[in-house]
C-alpha atoms as a PDB file:
ATOM      1  CA  MET A   1       0.179   0.111  -0.003  1.00  0.00           C
ATOM      2  CA  GLU A   2       1.269   3.608  -0.815  1.00  0.00           C
ATOM      3  CA  VAL A   3       2.289   5.434   2.111  1.00  0.00           C
ATOM      4  CA  ILE A   4       0.670   9.202   1.850  1.00  0.00           C
ATOM      5  CA  ASN A   5       2.446  12.414   2.384  1.00  0.00           C
ATOM      6  CA  ILE A   6       0.108  14.471   4.775  1.00  0.00           C
ATOM      7  CA  ASN A   7      -0.336  18.002   4.371  1.00  0.00           C
ATOM      8  CA  SER A   8      -3.040  19.139   7.226  1.00  0.00           C
ATOM      9  CA  GLU A   9      -4.786  21.985   4.954  1.00  0.00           C
ATOM     10  CA  GLU A  10      -4.798  20.217   1.942  1.00  0.00           C
ATOM     11  CA  THR A  11      -6.286  17.189   3.776  1.00  0.00           C
ATOM     12  CA  ALA A  12      -8.789  19.250   5.514  1.00  0.00           C
ATOM     13  CA  GLN A  13     -10.079  20.810   2.665  1.00  0.00           C
ATOM     14  CA  TYR A  14     -10.005  17.296   0.785  1.00  0.00           C
ATOM     15  CA  ILE A  15     -12.531  15.964   3.605  1.00  0.00           C
ATOM     16  CA  TRP A  16     -14.495  18.855   3.246  1.00  0.00           C
ATOM     17  CA  ASN A  17     -14.747  19.062  -0.634  1.00  0.00           C
ATOM     18  CA  GLU A  18     -15.060  15.247  -1.275  1.00  0.00           C
ATOM     19  CA  ALA A  19     -17.023  13.950   1.796  1.00  0.00           C
ATOM     20  CA  LEU A  20     -18.612  16.478   4.121  1.00  0.00           C
ATOM     21  CA  GLN A  21     -19.980  18.980   1.545  1.00  0.00           C
ATOM     22  CA  ARG A  22     -21.125  16.164  -0.735  1.00  0.00           C
ATOM     23  CA  SER A  23     -23.561  15.003   2.045  1.00  0.00           C
ATOM     24  CA  PRO A  24     -26.980  16.739   3.172  1.00  0.00           C
ATOM     25  CA  LYS A  25     -26.478  14.801   6.722  1.00  0.00           C
ATOM     26  CA  PRO A  26     -23.799  17.186   8.168  1.00  0.00           C
ATOM     27  CA  PHE A  27     -26.430  20.020   8.451  1.00  0.00           C
ATOM     28  CA  THR A  28     -28.533  17.379  10.608  1.00  0.00           C
ATOM     29  CA  TRP A  29     -25.853  17.253  13.374  1.00  0.00           C
ATOM     30  CA  GLY A  30     -25.952  20.786  14.750  1.00  0.00           C
ATOM     31  CA  LEU A  31     -22.517  21.575  12.891  1.00  0.00           C
ATOM     32  CA  ASP A  32     -20.971  25.098  13.984  1.00  0.00           C
ATOM     33  CA  PHE A  33     -19.586  26.297  11.154  1.00  0.00           C
ATOM     34  CA  GLY A  34     -17.347  28.746  12.946  1.00  0.00           C
ATOM     35  CA  SER A  35     -15.760  25.928  14.899  1.00  0.00           C
ATOM     36  CA  ILE A  36     -14.204  24.232  11.673  1.00  0.00           C
ATOM     37  CA  GLN A  37     -10.384  24.049  11.615  1.00  0.00           C
ATOM     38  CA  THR A  38      -7.304  22.445  10.285  1.00  0.00           C
ATOM     39  CA  ILE A  39      -5.576  20.539  12.727  1.00  0.00           C
ATOM     40  CA  GLU A  40      -2.374  17.911  12.090  1.00  0.00           C
ATOM     41  CA  GLY A  41      -3.663  15.705   9.131  1.00  0.00           C
ATOM     42  CA  GLY A  42      -7.282  16.419   8.832  1.00  0.00           C
ATOM     43  CA  THR A  43     -10.078  18.745  10.140  1.00  0.00           C
ATOM     44  CA  ALA A  44     -12.001  19.669  13.746  1.00  0.00           C
ATOM     45  CA  PHE A  45     -15.341  20.808  14.387  1.00  0.00           C
ATOM     46  CA  ARG A  46     -18.307  20.837  16.790  1.00  0.00           C
ATOM     47  CA  VAL A  47     -21.540  19.358  16.466  1.00  0.00           C
ATOM     48  CA  LYS A  48     -24.604  19.241  18.743  1.00  0.00           C
ATOM     49  CA  THR A  49     -23.319  17.994  22.088  1.00  0.00           C
ATOM     50  CA  ALA A  50     -19.476  16.789  20.836  1.00  0.00           C
ATOM     51  CA  ALA A  51     -16.412  17.564  19.116  1.00  0.00           C
ATOM     52  CA  VAL A  52     -15.547  15.748  15.963  1.00  0.00           C
ATOM     53  CA  LYS A  53     -11.811  15.074  14.655  1.00  0.00           C
ATOM     54  CA  ILE A  54     -11.300  13.717  11.212  1.00  0.00           C
ATOM     55  CA  GLN A  55      -7.233  12.884  10.537  1.00  0.00           C
ATOM     56  CA  LEU A  56      -5.848  11.061   7.676  1.00  0.00           C
ATOM     57  CA  GLY A  57      -3.374   8.294   8.405  1.00  0.00           C
ATOM     58  CA  ARG A  58      -0.280   7.351   6.584  1.00  0.00           C
ATOM     59  CA  MET A  59      -1.618   4.563   4.854  1.00  0.00           C
ATOM     60  CA  GLY A  60      -4.533   6.451   3.356  1.00  0.00           C
ATOM     61  CA  LEU A  61      -7.117   5.609   5.837  1.00  0.00           C
ATOM     62  CA  PHE A  62      -8.835   7.906   8.077  1.00  0.00           C
ATOM     63  CA  THR A  63      -9.447   8.100  11.826  1.00  0.00           C
ATOM     64  CA  VAL A  64     -12.810   9.675  13.141  1.00  0.00           C
ATOM     65  CA  SER A  65     -12.768  10.670  17.319  1.00  0.00           C
ATOM     66  CA  ILE A  66     -16.314  11.874  18.807  1.00  0.00           C
ATOM     67  CA  ILE A  67     -15.479  13.821  22.105  1.00  0.00           C
ATOM     68  CA  PRO A  68     -18.571  13.998  23.592  1.00  0.00           C
ATOM     69  CA  ASP A  69     -19.405  17.319  25.909  1.00  0.00           C
ATOM     70  CA  ASP A  70     -20.882  15.034  28.596  1.00  0.00           C
ATOM     71  CA  LYS A  71     -17.650  13.848  30.615  1.00  0.00           C
ATOM     72  CA  GLN A  72     -20.169  10.815  31.730  1.00  0.00           C
ATOM     73  CA  ARG A  73     -20.249   9.688  28.081  1.00  0.00           C
ATOM     74  CA  SER A  74     -17.361   7.620  26.126  1.00  0.00           C
ATOM     75  CA  GLN A  75     -15.510   8.917  23.576  1.00  0.00           C
ATOM     76  CA  ILE A  76     -15.774   7.054  20.267  1.00  0.00           C
ATOM     77  CA  VAL A  77     -12.761   6.454  18.239  1.00  0.00           C
ATOM     78  CA  CYS A  78     -12.943   4.740  14.682  1.00  0.00           C
ATOM     79  CA  GLU A  79      -9.975   3.914  12.588  1.00  0.00           C
ATOM     80  CA  GLY A  80      -9.125   2.505   9.190  1.00  0.00           C
ATOM     81  CA  LEU A  81     -11.980   4.120   7.410  1.00  0.00           C
ATOM     82  CA  ILE A  82     -12.165   5.225   3.723  1.00  0.00           C
ATOM     83  CA  LEU A  83     -13.319   8.626   2.598  1.00  0.00           C
ATOM     84  CA  GLY A  84     -16.683   7.306   1.718  1.00  0.00           C
ATOM     85  CA  SER A  85     -17.375   5.852   5.223  1.00  0.00           C
ATOM     86  CA  LEU A  86     -16.871   9.148   7.059  1.00  0.00           C
ATOM     87  CA  VAL A  87     -20.082  10.455   6.896  1.00  0.00           C
ATOM     88  CA  PRO A  88     -22.209   7.574   7.632  1.00  0.00           C
ATOM     89  CA  ALA A  89     -19.478   6.850  10.845  1.00  0.00           C
ATOM     90  CA  ILE A  90     -20.133  10.256  12.103  1.00  0.00           C
ATOM     91  CA  ASP A  91     -23.935  10.210  11.482  1.00  0.00           C
ATOM     92  CA  GLU A  92     -24.533   7.124  13.380  1.00  0.00           C
ATOM     93  CA  ALA A  93     -21.992   8.366  16.535  1.00  0.00           C
ATOM     94  CA  VAL A  94     -23.659  11.637  16.724  1.00  0.00           C
ATOM     95  CA  LYS A  95     -27.463  10.090  16.407  1.00  0.00           C
ATOM     96  CA  TYR A  96     -26.743   7.064  18.613  1.00  0.00           C
ATOM     97  CA  GLY A  97     -23.639   8.195  20.502  1.00  0.00           C
ATOM     98  CA  THR A  98     -22.098   4.733  19.101  1.00  0.00           C
ATOM     99  CA  ILE A  99     -21.074   3.170  15.813  1.00  0.00           C
ATOM    100  CA  SER A 100     -22.317  -0.266  15.136  1.00  0.00           C
ATOM    101  CA  LYS A 101     -19.588  -2.864  14.261  1.00  0.00           C
ATOM    102  CA  LYS A 102     -20.684  -3.307  10.794  1.00  0.00           C
ATOM    103  CA  PRO A 103     -18.145  -4.642   8.547  1.00  0.00           C
ATOM    104  CA  GLN A 104     -17.037  -1.040   6.729  1.00  0.00           C
ATOM    105  CA  PHE A 105     -16.366   0.089  10.636  1.00  0.00           C
ATOM    106  CA  LYS A 106     -13.537  -1.965  11.535  1.00  0.00           C
ATOM    107  CA  ASN A 107     -11.199  -1.043  14.489  1.00  0.00           C
ATOM    108  CA  ILE A 108     -13.816   0.779  16.795  1.00  0.00           C
ATOM    109  CA  GLN A 109     -12.887   1.717  20.101  1.00  0.00           C
ATOM    110  CA  VAL A 110     -14.872   3.437  22.981  1.00  0.00           C
ATOM    111  CA  VAL A 111     -12.799   5.130  25.321  1.00  0.00           C
ATOM    112  CA  ALA A 112     -13.742   5.712  28.659  1.00  0.00           C
END
């Protein structure tokens, strides 16, 4: 597998242009447009009651972290996602507080 050179700003733009802006679902998450930022290897933003981080790994797969505002709830980390799985994974986590263990969502961790 090819190793990807990570440029944070280009990666953030790629995530938004090719995944998040192509779906109406982010608008149902209570997305705070003022919170959108570039982070190392990706992007971060706030939704209703959580912070979301999306980062591109060296092998071209993404990691999504959902960090709830409510400290009683566990952080959700989903690794090894392809671009097309980002919106469904975030949508499920925002709606239900978890990501089901469907085949396309491997390597899911709930961090207490």
